[in-house]
Amino acid sequence: KAEKLAFMTDIEGVRLDADDPKSLISILTVEEAEALVTDGIVGGGMIP
């Protein structure tokens, strides 16, 4: 029941546009994150 879980990766975070660094999203709710997957906004290795 950790307060935080941090995944250190080779990406800076989740972007609305994979090619635009300025589209980095700082905070996502679970519902918003699920919608990004459902709507096909994110794909590939970001999905898992």
ModelCIF file with pLDDT and N, C-alpha, C, O atoms, coordinates in Angstrom:
data_MODEL
#
_entry.id   MODEL 
#
_entity.id                         1 
_entity.type                       polymer 
_entity.pdbx_number_of_molecules   1 
#
_entity_poly.entity_id                      1 
_entity_poly.type                           'polypeptide(L)' 
_entity_poly.nstd_linkage                   no 
_entity_poly.nstd_monomer                   no 
_entity_poly.pdbx_seq_one_letter_code       KAEKLAFMTDIEGVRLDADDPKSLISILTVEEAEALVTDGIVGGGMIP 
_entity_poly.pdbx_seq_one_letter_code_can   KAEKLAFMTDIEGVRLDADDPKSLISILTVEEAEALVTDGIVGGGMIP 
_entity_poly.pdbx_strand_id                 A 
#
loop_
_entity_poly_seq.entity_id 
_entity_poly_seq.num 
_entity_poly_seq.mon_id 
_entity_poly_seq.hetero 
1 1  LYS n 
1 2  ALA n 
1 3  GLU n 
1 4  LYS n 
1 5  LEU n 
1 6  ALA n 
1 7  PHE n 
1 8  MET n 
1 9  THR n 
1 10 ASP n 
1 11 ILE n 
1 12 GLU n 
1 13 GLY n 
1 14 VAL n 
1 15 ARG n 
1 16 LEU n 
1 17 ASP n 
1 18 ALA n 
1 19 ASP n 
1 20 ASP n 
1 21 PRO n 
1 22 LYS n 
1 23 SER n 
1 24 LEU n 
1 25 ILE n 
1 26 SER n 
1 27 ILE n 
1 28 LEU n 
1 29 THR n 
1 30 VAL n 
1 31 GLU n 
1 32 GLU n 
1 33 ALA n 
1 34 GLU n 
1 35 ALA n 
1 36 LEU n 
1 37 VAL n 
1 38 THR n 
1 39 ASP n 
1 40 GLY n 
1 41 ILE n 
1 42 VAL n 
1 43 GLY n 
1 44 GLY n 
1 45 GLY n 
1 46 MET n 
1 47 ILE n 
1 48 PRO n 
#
_struct_asym.id          A 
_struct_asym.entity_id   1 
#
loop_
_ma_qa_metric.id 
_ma_qa_metric.mode 
_ma_qa_metric.name 
_ma_qa_metric.software_group_id 
_ma_qa_metric.type 
1 global pLDDT . pLDDT 
2 local  pLDDT . pLDDT 
#
_ma_qa_metric_global.metric_id      1 
_ma_qa_metric_global.metric_value   82.77 
_ma_qa_metric_global.model_id       1 
_ma_qa_metric_global.ordinal_id     1 
#
loop_
_ma_qa_metric_local.label_asym_id 
_ma_qa_metric_local.label_comp_id 
_ma_qa_metric_local.label_seq_id 
_ma_qa_metric_local.metric_id 
_ma_qa_metric_local.metric_value 
_ma_qa_metric_local.model_id 
_ma_qa_metric_local.ordinal_id 
A LYS 1  2 93.00 1 1  
A ALA 2  2 94.00 1 2  
A GLU 3  2 91.00 1 3  
A LYS 4  2 91.00 1 4  
A LEU 5  2 93.00 1 5  
A ALA 6  2 92.00 1 6  
A PHE 7  2 91.00 1 7  
A MET 8  2 87.00 1 8  
A THR 9  2 83.00 1 9  
A ASP 10 2 79.00 1 10 
A ILE 11 2 78.00 1 11 
A GLU 12 2 80.00 1 12 
A GLY 13 2 82.00 1 13 
A VAL 14 2 82.00 1 14 
A ARG 15 2 80.00 1 15 
A LEU 16 2 78.00 1 16 
A ASP 17 2 74.00 1 17 
A ALA 18 2 73.00 1 18 
A ASP 19 2 73.00 1 19 
A ASP 20 2 74.00 1 20 
A PRO 21 2 75.00 1 21 
A LYS 22 2 80.00 1 22 
A SER 23 2 81.00 1 23 
A LEU 24 2 83.00 1 24 
A ILE 25 2 86.00 1 25 
A SER 26 2 85.00 1 26 
A ILE 27 2 87.00 1 27 
A LEU 28 2 88.00 1 28 
A THR 29 2 88.00 1 29 
A VAL 30 2 88.00 1 30 
A GLU 31 2 89.00 1 31 
A GLU 32 2 88.00 1 32 
A ALA 33 2 88.00 1 33 
A GLU 34 2 88.00 1 34 
A ALA 35 2 88.00 1 35 
A LEU 36 2 85.00 1 36 
A VAL 37 2 84.00 1 37 
A THR 38 2 84.00 1 38 
A ASP 39 2 81.00 1 39 
A GLY 40 2 79.00 1 40 
A ILE 41 2 80.00 1 41 
A VAL 42 2 77.00 1 42 
A GLY 43 2 71.00 1 43 
A GLY 44 2 70.00 1 44 
A GLY 45 2 72.00 1 45 
A MET 46 2 77.00 1 46 
A ILE 47 2 81.00 1 47 
A PRO 48 2 82.00 1 48 
#
loop_
_atom_site.group_PDB 
_atom_site.id 
_atom_site.type_symbol 
_atom_site.label_atom_id 
_atom_site.label_alt_id 
_atom_site.label_comp_id 
_atom_site.label_asym_id 
_atom_site.label_entity_id 
_atom_site.label_seq_id 
_atom_site.pdbx_PDB_ins_code 
_atom_site.Cartn_x 
_atom_site.Cartn_y 
_atom_site.Cartn_z 
_atom_site.occupancy 
_atom_site.B_iso_or_equiv 
_atom_site.pdbx_formal_charge 
_atom_site.auth_seq_id 
_atom_site.auth_comp_id 
_atom_site.auth_asym_id 
_atom_site.auth_atom_id 
_atom_site.pdbx_PDB_model_num 
ATOM 1   N N  . LYS A 1 1  ? 0.847   -1.197 0.000   1.00 93.00 ? 1  LYS A N  1 
ATOM 2   C CA . LYS A 1 1  ? 0.000   0.000  0.000   1.00 93.00 ? 1  LYS A CA 1 
ATOM 3   C C  . LYS A 1 1  ? 0.886   1.252  0.000   1.00 93.00 ? 1  LYS A C  1 
ATOM 4   O O  . LYS A 1 1  ? 0.695   2.171  0.796   1.00 93.00 ? 1  LYS A O  1 
ATOM 5   N N  . ALA A 1 2  ? 1.838   1.258  -0.897  1.00 94.00 ? 2  ALA A N  1 
ATOM 6   C CA . ALA A 1 2  ? 2.829   2.331  -0.948  1.00 94.00 ? 2  ALA A CA 1 
ATOM 7   C C  . ALA A 1 2  ? 2.170   3.672  -1.231  1.00 94.00 ? 2  ALA A C  1 
ATOM 8   O O  . ALA A 1 2  ? 1.149   3.748  -1.914  1.00 94.00 ? 2  ALA A O  1 
ATOM 9   N N  . GLU A 1 3  ? 2.769   4.725  -0.695  1.00 91.00 ? 3  GLU A N  1 
ATOM 10  C CA . GLU A 1 3  ? 2.311   6.074  -0.996  1.00 91.00 ? 3  GLU A CA 1 
ATOM 11  C C  . GLU A 1 3  ? 2.610   6.410  -2.443  1.00 91.00 ? 3  GLU A C  1 
ATOM 12  O O  . GLU A 1 3  ? 1.810   7.056  -3.119  1.00 91.00 ? 3  GLU A O  1 
ATOM 13  N N  . LYS A 1 4  ? 3.781   5.961  -2.919  1.00 91.00 ? 4  LYS A N  1 
ATOM 14  C CA . LYS A 1 4  ? 4.198   6.260  -4.283  1.00 91.00 ? 4  LYS A CA 1 
ATOM 15  C C  . LYS A 1 4  ? 4.871   5.051  -4.908  1.00 91.00 ? 4  LYS A C  1 
ATOM 16  O O  . LYS A 1 4  ? 5.502   4.241  -4.230  1.00 91.00 ? 4  LYS A O  1 
ATOM 17  N N  . LEU A 1 5  ? 4.718   4.955  -6.225  1.00 93.00 ? 5  LEU A N  1 
ATOM 18  C CA . LEU A 1 5  ? 5.456   4.010  -7.051  1.00 93.00 ? 5  LEU A CA 1 
ATOM 19  C C  . LEU A 1 5  ? 6.002   4.795  -8.226  1.00 93.00 ? 5  LEU A C  1 
ATOM 20  O O  . LEU A 1 5  ? 5.242   5.413  -8.971  1.00 93.00 ? 5  LEU A O  1 
ATOM 21  N N  . ALA A 1 6  ? 7.319   4.776  -8.398  1.00 92.00 ? 6  ALA A N  1 
ATOM 22  C CA . ALA A 1 6  ? 7.958   5.522  -9.482  1.00 92.00 ? 6  ALA A CA 1 
ATOM 23  C C  . ALA A 1 6  ? 8.616   4.553  -10.452 1.00 92.00 ? 6  ALA A C  1 
ATOM 24  O O  . ALA A 1 6  ? 9.471   3.754  -10.069 1.00 92.00 ? 6  ALA A O  1 
ATOM 25  N N  . PHE A 1 7  ? 8.206   4.634  -11.720 1.00 91.00 ? 7  PHE A N  1 
ATOM 26  C CA . PHE A 1 7  ? 8.833   3.857  -12.786 1.00 91.00 ? 7  PHE A CA 1 
ATOM 27  C C  . PHE A 1 7  ? 9.883   4.729  -13.464 1.00 91.00 ? 7  PHE A C  1 
ATOM 28  O O  . PHE A 1 7  ? 9.542   5.690  -14.152 1.00 91.00 ? 7  PHE A O  1 
ATOM 29  N N  . MET A 1 8  ? 11.154  4.399  -13.274 1.00 87.00 ? 8  MET A N  1 
ATOM 30  C CA . MET A 1 8  ? 12.229  5.115  -13.958 1.00 87.00 ? 8  MET A CA 1 
ATOM 31  C C  . MET A 1 8  ? 12.447  4.448  -15.311 1.00 87.00 ? 8  MET A C  1 
ATOM 32  O O  . MET A 1 8  ? 12.776  3.264  -15.381 1.00 87.00 ? 8  MET A O  1 
ATOM 33  N N  . THR A 1 9  ? 12.264  5.211  -16.382 1.00 83.00 ? 9  THR A N  1 
ATOM 34  C CA . THR A 1 9  ? 12.294  4.660  -17.727 1.00 83.00 ? 9  THR A CA 1 
ATOM 35  C C  . THR A 1 9  ? 13.170  5.516  -18.634 1.00 83.00 ? 9  THR A C  1 
ATOM 36  O O  . THR A 1 9  ? 13.853  6.435  -18.180 1.00 83.00 ? 9  THR A O  1 
ATOM 37  N N  . ASP A 1 10 ? 13.136  5.197  -19.915 1.00 79.00 ? 10 ASP A N  1 
ATOM 38  C CA . ASP A 1 10 ? 13.877  5.978  -20.911 1.00 79.00 ? 10 ASP A CA 1 
ATOM 39  C C  . ASP A 1 10 ? 12.955  6.931  -21.667 1.00 79.00 ? 10 ASP A C  1 
ATOM 40  O O  . ASP A 1 10 ? 13.265  7.356  -22.781 1.00 79.00 ? 10 ASP A O  1 
ATOM 41  N N  . ILE A 1 11 ? 11.825  7.260  -21.055 1.00 78.00 ? 11 ILE A N  1 
ATOM 42  C CA . ILE A 1 11 ? 10.920  8.257  -21.620 1.00 78.00 ? 11 ILE A CA 1 
ATOM 43  C C  . ILE A 1 11 ? 10.595  9.269  -20.528 1.00 78.00 ? 11 ILE A C  1 
ATOM 44  O O  . ILE A 1 11 ? 10.687  8.955  -19.342 1.00 78.00 ? 11 ILE A O  1 
ATOM 45  N N  . GLU A 1 12 ? 10.214  10.480 -20.924 1.00 80.00 ? 12 GLU A N  1 
ATOM 46  C CA . GLU A 1 12 ? 10.000  11.541 -19.930 1.00 80.00 ? 12 GLU A CA 1 
ATOM 47  C C  . GLU A 1 12 ? 8.632   11.489 -19.286 1.00 80.00 ? 12 GLU A C  1 
ATOM 48  O O  . GLU A 1 12 ? 8.403   12.170 -18.285 1.00 80.00 ? 12 GLU A O  1 
ATOM 49  N N  . GLY A 1 13 ? 7.718   10.706 -19.826 1.00 82.00 ? 13 GLY A N  1 
ATOM 50  C CA . GLY A 1 13 ? 6.362   10.625 -19.310 1.00 82.00 ? 13 GLY A CA 1 
ATOM 51  C C  . GLY A 1 13 ? 5.385   10.386 -20.441 1.00 82.00 ? 13 GLY A C  1 
ATOM 52  O O  . GLY A 1 13 ? 5.775   9.919  -21.511 1.00 82.00 ? 13 GLY A O  1 
ATOM 53  N N  . VAL A 1 14 ? 4.128   10.699 -20.221 1.00 82.00 ? 14 VAL A N  1 
ATOM 54  C CA . VAL A 1 14 ? 3.081   10.485 -21.219 1.00 82.00 ? 14 VAL A CA 1 
ATOM 55  C C  . VAL A 1 14 ? 2.828   11.788 -21.966 1.00 82.00 ? 14 VAL A C  1 
ATOM 56  O O  . VAL A 1 14 ? 2.622   12.838 -21.358 1.00 82.00 ? 14 VAL A O  1 
ATOM 57  N N  . ARG A 1 15 ? 2.847   11.704 -23.296 1.00 80.00 ? 15 ARG A N  1 
ATOM 58  C CA . ARG A 1 15 ? 2.561   12.866 -24.139 1.00 80.00 ? 15 ARG A CA 1 
ATOM 59  C C  . ARG A 1 15 ? 1.244   12.662 -24.882 1.00 80.00 ? 15 ARG A C  1 
ATOM 60  O O  . ARG A 1 15 ? 0.905   11.544 -25.271 1.00 80.00 ? 15 ARG A O  1 
ATOM 61  N N  . LEU A 1 16 ? 0.509   13.753 -25.072 1.00 78.00 ? 16 LEU A N  1 
ATOM 62  C CA . LEU A 1 16 ? -0.674  13.687 -25.932 1.00 78.00 ? 16 LEU A CA 1 
ATOM 63  C C  . LEU A 1 16 ? -0.253  13.478 -27.378 1.00 78.00 ? 16 LEU A C  1 
ATOM 64  O O  . LEU A 1 16 ? -0.931  12.791 -28.143 1.00 78.00 ? 16 LEU A O  1 
ATOM 65  N N  . ASP A 1 17 ? 0.876   14.081 -27.744 1.00 74.00 ? 17 ASP A N  1 
ATOM 66  C CA . ASP A 1 17 ? 1.463   13.914 -29.066 1.00 74.00 ? 17 ASP A CA 1 
ATOM 67  C C  . ASP A 1 17 ? 2.874   13.383 -28.866 1.00 74.00 ? 17 ASP A C  1 
ATOM 68  O O  . ASP A 1 17 ? 3.736   14.076 -28.325 1.00 74.00 ? 17 ASP A O  1 
ATOM 69  N N  . ALA A 1 18 ? 3.104   12.154 -29.304 1.00 73.00 ? 18 ALA A N  1 
ATOM 70  C CA . ALA A 1 18 ? 4.389   11.505 -29.068 1.00 73.00 ? 18 ALA A CA 1 
ATOM 71  C C  . ALA A 1 18 ? 5.565   12.301 -29.600 1.00 73.00 ? 18 ALA A C  1 
ATOM 72  O O  . ALA A 1 18 ? 6.678   12.169 -29.093 1.00 73.00 ? 18 ALA A O  1 
ATOM 73  N N  . ASP A 1 19 ? 5.341   13.120 -30.606 1.00 73.00 ? 19 ASP A N  1 
ATOM 74  C CA . ASP A 1 19 ? 6.425   13.881 -31.221 1.00 73.00 ? 19 ASP A CA 1 
ATOM 75  C C  . ASP A 1 19 ? 6.582   15.297 -30.668 1.00 73.00 ? 19 ASP A C  1 
ATOM 76  O O  . ASP A 1 19 ? 7.461   16.039 -31.104 1.00 73.00 ? 19 ASP A O  1 
ATOM 77  N N  . ASP A 1 20 ? 5.737   15.669 -29.717 1.00 74.00 ? 20 ASP A N  1 
ATOM 78  C CA . ASP A 1 20 ? 5.768   17.038 -29.192 1.00 74.00 ? 20 ASP A CA 1 
ATOM 79  C C  . ASP A 1 20 ? 6.083   17.030 -27.699 1.00 74.00 ? 20 ASP A C  1 
ATOM 80  O O  . ASP A 1 20 ? 5.215   16.704 -26.889 1.00 74.00 ? 20 ASP A O  1 
ATOM 81  N N  . PRO A 1 21 ? 7.318   17.386 -27.319 1.00 75.00 ? 21 PRO A N  1 
ATOM 82  C CA . PRO A 1 21 ? 7.701   17.403 -25.901 1.00 75.00 ? 21 PRO A CA 1 
ATOM 83  C C  . PRO A 1 21 ? 6.826   18.324 -25.059 1.00 75.00 ? 21 PRO A C  1 
ATOM 84  O O  . PRO A 1 21 ? 6.662   18.099 -23.860 1.00 75.00 ? 21 PRO A O  1 
ATOM 85  N N  . LYS A 1 22 ? 6.260   19.362 -25.680 1.00 80.00 ? 22 LYS A N  1 
ATOM 86  C CA . LYS A 1 22 ? 5.432   20.306 -24.943 1.00 80.00 ? 22 LYS A CA 1 
ATOM 87  C C  . LYS A 1 22 ? 4.079   19.709 -24.558 1.00 80.00 ? 22 LYS A C  1 
ATOM 88  O O  . LYS A 1 22 ? 3.343   20.300 -23.767 1.00 80.00 ? 22 LYS A O  1 
ATOM 89  N N  . SER A 1 23 ? 3.748   18.535 -25.115 1.00 81.00 ? 23 SER A N  1 
ATOM 90  C CA . SER A 1 23 ? 2.447   17.920 -24.815 1.00 81.00 ? 23 SER A CA 1 
ATOM 91  C C  . SER A 1 23 ? 2.517   16.944 -23.641 1.00 81.00 ? 23 SER A C  1 
ATOM 92  O O  . SER A 1 23 ? 1.585   16.175 -23.411 1.00 81.00 ? 23 SER A O  1 
ATOM 93  N N  . LEU A 1 24 ? 3.633   16.979 -22.899 1.00 83.00 ? 24 LEU A N  1 
ATOM 94  C CA . LEU A 1 24 ? 3.771   16.132 -21.720 1.00 83.00 ? 24 LEU A CA 1 
ATOM 95  C C  . LEU A 1 24 ? 2.651   16.418 -20.730 1.00 83.00 ? 24 LEU A C  1 
ATOM 96  O O  . LEU A 1 24 ? 2.356   17.577 -20.438 1.00 83.00 ? 24 LEU A O  1 
ATOM 97  N N  . ILE A 1 25 ? 2.026   15.361 -20.211 1.00 86.00 ? 25 ILE A N  1 
ATOM 98  C CA . ILE A 1 25 ? 0.935   15.485 -19.248 1.00 86.00 ? 25 ILE A CA 1 
ATOM 99  C C  . ILE A 1 25 ? 1.497   15.294 -17.842 1.00 86.00 ? 25 ILE A C  1 
ATOM 100 O O  . ILE A 1 25 ? 2.106   14.264 -17.552 1.00 86.00 ? 25 ILE A O  1 
ATOM 101 N N  . SER A 1 26 ? 1.297   16.279 -16.968 1.00 85.00 ? 26 SER A N  1 
ATOM 102 C CA . SER A 1 26 ? 1.873   16.222 -15.625 1.00 85.00 ? 26 SER A CA 1 
ATOM 103 C C  . SER A 1 26 ? 1.086   15.302 -14.695 1.00 85.00 ? 26 SER A C  1 
ATOM 104 O O  . SER A 1 26 ? 1.681   14.543 -13.930 1.00 85.00 ? 26 SER A O  1 
ATOM 105 N N  . ILE A 1 27 ? -0.264  15.361 -14.751 1.00 87.00 ? 27 ILE A N  1 
ATOM 106 C CA . ILE A 1 27 ? -1.094  14.534 -13.872 1.00 87.00 ? 27 ILE A CA 1 
ATOM 107 C C  . ILE A 1 27 ? -2.232  13.923 -14.674 1.00 87.00 ? 27 ILE A C  1 
ATOM 108 O O  . ILE A 1 27 ? -2.885  14.603 -15.465 1.00 87.00 ? 27 ILE A O  1 
ATOM 109 N N  . LEU A 1 28 ? -2.462  12.626 -14.460 1.00 88.00 ? 28 LEU A N  1 
ATOM 110 C CA . LEU A 1 28 ? -3.556  11.903 -15.093 1.00 88.00 ? 28 LEU A CA 1 
ATOM 111 C C  . LEU A 1 28 ? -4.348  11.150 -14.035 1.00 88.00 ? 28 LEU A C  1 
ATOM 112 O O  . LEU A 1 28 ? -3.761  10.505 -13.166 1.00 88.00 ? 28 LEU A O  1 
ATOM 113 N N  . THR A 1 29 ? -5.678  11.224 -14.098 1.00 88.00 ? 29 THR A N  1 
ATOM 114 C CA . THR A 1 29 ? -6.494  10.343 -13.271 1.00 88.00 ? 29 THR A CA 1 
ATOM 115 C C  . THR A 1 29 ? -6.564  8.985  -13.961 1.00 88.00 ? 29 THR A C  1 
ATOM 116 O O  . THR A 1 29 ? -6.229  8.859  -15.139 1.00 88.00 ? 29 THR A O  1 
ATOM 117 N N  . VAL A 1 30 ? -6.998  7.980  -13.225 1.00 88.00 ? 30 VAL A N  1 
ATOM 118 C CA . VAL A 1 30 ? -7.150  6.641  -13.798 1.00 88.00 ? 30 VAL A CA 1 
ATOM 119 C C  . VAL A 1 30 ? -8.078  6.682  -15.003 1.00 88.00 ? 30 VAL A C  1 
ATOM 120 O O  . VAL A 1 30 ? -7.801  6.061  -16.029 1.00 88.00 ? 30 VAL A O  1 
ATOM 121 N N  . GLU A 1 31 ? -9.185  7.420  -14.876 1.00 89.00 ? 31 GLU A N  1 
ATOM 122 C CA . GLU A 1 31 ? -10.152 7.496  -15.972 1.00 89.00 ? 31 GLU A CA 1 
ATOM 123 C C  . GLU A 1 31 ? -9.529  8.134  -17.218 1.00 89.00 ? 31 GLU A C  1 
ATOM 124 O O  . GLU A 1 31 ? -9.753  7.677  -18.338 1.00 89.00 ? 31 GLU A O  1 
ATOM 125 N N  . GLU A 1 32 ? -8.760  9.178  -17.009 1.00 88.00 ? 32 GLU A N  1 
ATOM 126 C CA . GLU A 1 32 ? -8.102  9.841  -18.139 1.00 88.00 ? 32 GLU A CA 1 
ATOM 127 C C  . GLU A 1 32 ? -7.069  8.930  -18.784 1.00 88.00 ? 32 GLU A C  1 
ATOM 128 O O  . GLU A 1 32 ? -6.938  8.905  -20.008 1.00 88.00 ? 32 GLU A O  1 
ATOM 129 N N  . ALA A 1 33 ? -6.337  8.183  -17.968 1.00 88.00 ? 33 ALA A N  1 
ATOM 130 C CA . ALA A 1 33 ? -5.330  7.264  -18.503 1.00 88.00 ? 33 ALA A CA 1 
ATOM 131 C C  . ALA A 1 33 ? -5.984  6.140  -19.304 1.00 88.00 ? 33 ALA A C  1 
ATOM 132 O O  . ALA A 1 33 ? -5.490  5.757  -20.365 1.00 88.00 ? 33 ALA A O  1 
ATOM 133 N N  . GLU A 1 34 ? -7.092  5.617  -18.793 1.00 88.00 ? 34 GLU A N  1 
ATOM 134 C CA . GLU A 1 34 ? -7.812  4.558  -19.511 1.00 88.00 ? 34 GLU A CA 1 
ATOM 135 C C  . GLU A 1 34 ? -8.323  5.072  -20.854 1.00 88.00 ? 34 GLU A C  1 
ATOM 136 O O  . GLU A 1 34 ? -8.305  4.347  -21.849 1.00 88.00 ? 34 GLU A O  1 
ATOM 137 N N  . ALA A 1 35 ? -8.775  6.321  -20.879 1.00 88.00 ? 35 ALA A N  1 
ATOM 138 C CA . ALA A 1 35 ? -9.287  6.905  -22.118 1.00 88.00 ? 35 ALA A CA 1 
ATOM 139 C C  . ALA A 1 35 ? -8.175  7.063  -23.154 1.00 88.00 ? 35 ALA A C  1 
ATOM 140 O O  . ALA A 1 35 ? -8.422  6.907  -24.350 1.00 88.00 ? 35 ALA A O  1 
ATOM 141 N N  . LEU A 1 36 ? -6.953  7.371  -22.712 1.00 85.00 ? 36 LEU A N  1 
ATOM 142 C CA . LEU A 1 36 ? -5.833  7.503  -23.647 1.00 85.00 ? 36 LEU A CA 1 
ATOM 143 C C  . LEU A 1 36 ? -5.582  6.189  -24.374 1.00 85.00 ? 36 LEU A C  1 
ATOM 144 O O  . LEU A 1 36 ? -5.250  6.183  -25.559 1.00 85.00 ? 36 LEU A O  1 
ATOM 145 N N  . VAL A 1 37 ? -5.740  5.073  -23.659 1.00 84.00 ? 37 VAL A N  1 
ATOM 146 C CA . VAL A 1 37 ? -5.554  3.752  -24.277 1.00 84.00 ? 37 VAL A CA 1 
ATOM 147 C C  . VAL A 1 37 ? -6.736  3.419  -25.175 1.00 84.00 ? 37 VAL A C  1 
ATOM 148 O O  . VAL A 1 37 ? -6.560  3.012  -26.323 1.00 84.00 ? 37 VAL A O  1 
ATOM 149 N N  . THR A 1 38 ? -7.945  3.595  -24.642 1.00 84.00 ? 38 THR A N  1 
ATOM 150 C CA . THR A 1 38 ? -9.163  3.257  -25.390 1.00 84.00 ? 38 THR A CA 1 
ATOM 151 C C  . THR A 1 38 ? -9.277  4.055  -26.679 1.00 84.00 ? 38 THR A C  1 
ATOM 152 O O  . THR A 1 38 ? -9.671  3.517  -27.714 1.00 84.00 ? 38 THR A O  1 
ATOM 153 N N  . ASP A 1 39 ? -8.934  5.336  -26.619 1.00 81.00 ? 39 ASP A N  1 
ATOM 154 C CA . ASP A 1 39 ? -9.068  6.223  -27.778 1.00 81.00 ? 39 ASP A CA 1 
ATOM 155 C C  . ASP A 1 39 ? -7.887  6.134  -28.741 1.00 81.00 ? 39 ASP A C  1 
ATOM 156 O O  . ASP A 1 39 ? -7.870  6.806  -29.772 1.00 81.00 ? 39 ASP A O  1 
ATOM 157 N N  . GLY A 1 40 ? -6.906  5.307  -28.405 1.00 79.00 ? 40 GLY A N  1 
ATOM 158 C CA . GLY A 1 40 ? -5.768  5.122  -29.300 1.00 79.00 ? 40 GLY A CA 1 
ATOM 159 C C  . GLY A 1 40 ? -4.786  6.278  -29.333 1.00 79.00 ? 40 GLY A C  1 
ATOM 160 O O  . GLY A 1 40 ? -3.986  6.390  -30.263 1.00 79.00 ? 40 GLY A O  1 
ATOM 161 N N  . ILE A 1 41 ? -4.840  7.147  -28.314 1.00 80.00 ? 41 ILE A N  1 
ATOM 162 C CA . ILE A 1 41 ? -3.922  8.289  -28.268 1.00 80.00 ? 41 ILE A CA 1 
ATOM 163 C C  . ILE A 1 41 ? -2.512  7.832  -27.926 1.00 80.00 ? 41 ILE A C  1 
ATOM 164 O O  . ILE A 1 41 ? -1.537  8.406  -28.410 1.00 80.00 ? 41 ILE A O  1 
ATOM 165 N N  . VAL A 1 42 ? -2.399  6.796  -27.091 1.00 77.00 ? 42 VAL A N  1 
ATOM 166 C CA . VAL A 1 42 ? -1.100  6.190  -26.815 1.00 77.00 ? 42 VAL A CA 1 
ATOM 167 C C  . VAL A 1 42 ? -1.120  4.768  -27.356 1.00 77.00 ? 42 VAL A C  1 
ATOM 168 O O  . VAL A 1 42 ? -2.176  4.148  -27.474 1.00 77.00 ? 42 VAL A O  1 
ATOM 169 N N  . GLY A 1 43 ? 0.051   4.270  -27.677 1.00 71.00 ? 43 GLY A N  1 
ATOM 170 C CA . GLY A 1 43 ? 0.137   2.919  -28.226 1.00 71.00 ? 43 GLY A CA 1 
ATOM 171 C C  . GLY A 1 43 ? 1.512   2.329  -27.995 1.00 71.00 ? 43 GLY A C  1 
ATOM 172 O O  . GLY A 1 43 ? 2.337   2.898  -27.279 1.00 71.00 ? 43 GLY A O  1 
ATOM 173 N N  . GLY A 1 44 ? 1.750   1.182  -28.607 1.00 70.00 ? 44 GLY A N  1 
ATOM 174 C CA . GLY A 1 44 ? 3.058   0.542  -28.538 1.00 70.00 ? 44 GLY A CA 1 
ATOM 175 C C  . GLY A 1 44 ? 3.473   0.215  -27.125 1.00 70.00 ? 44 GLY A C  1 
ATOM 176 O O  . GLY A 1 44 ? 2.676   -0.282 -26.328 1.00 70.00 ? 44 GLY A O  1 
ATOM 177 N N  . GLY A 1 45 ? 4.760   0.504  -26.808 1.00 72.00 ? 45 GLY A N  1 
ATOM 178 C CA . GLY A 1 45 ? 5.308   0.167  -25.508 1.00 72.00 ? 45 GLY A CA 1 
ATOM 179 C C  . GLY A 1 45 ? 4.745   0.969  -24.360 1.00 72.00 ? 45 GLY A C  1 
ATOM 180 O O  . GLY A 1 45 ? 4.938   0.605  -23.200 1.00 72.00 ? 45 GLY A O  1 
ATOM 181 N N  . MET A 1 46 ? 4.043   2.071  -24.661 1.00 77.00 ? 46 MET A N  1 
ATOM 182 C CA . MET A 1 46 ? 3.462   2.872  -23.593 1.00 77.00 ? 46 MET A CA 1 
ATOM 183 C C  . MET A 1 46 ? 2.240   2.196  -22.970 1.00 77.00 ? 46 MET A C  1 
ATOM 184 O O  . MET A 1 46 ? 1.924   2.438  -21.805 1.00 77.00 ? 46 MET A O  1 
ATOM 185 N N  . ILE A 1 47 ? 1.553   1.347  -23.743 1.00 81.00 ? 47 ILE A N  1 
ATOM 186 C CA . ILE A 1 47 ? 0.326   0.722  -23.237 1.00 81.00 ? 47 ILE A CA 1 
ATOM 187 C C  . ILE A 1 47 ? 0.581   -0.129 -21.993 1.00 81.00 ? 47 ILE A C  1 
ATOM 188 O O  . ILE A 1 47 ? -0.107  0.066  -20.990 1.00 81.00 ? 47 ILE A O  1 
ATOM 189 N N  . PRO A 1 48 ? 1.557   -1.083 -22.009 1.00 82.00 ? 48 PRO A N  1 
ATOM 190 C CA . PRO A 1 48 ? 1.781   -1.863 -20.778 1.00 82.00 ? 48 PRO A CA 1 
ATOM 191 C C  . PRO A 1 48 ? 2.221   -1.003 -19.600 1.00 82.00 ? 48 PRO A C  1 
ATOM 192 O O  . PRO A 1 48 ? 2.445   -1.522 -18.507 1.00 82.00 ? 48 PRO A O  1 
#
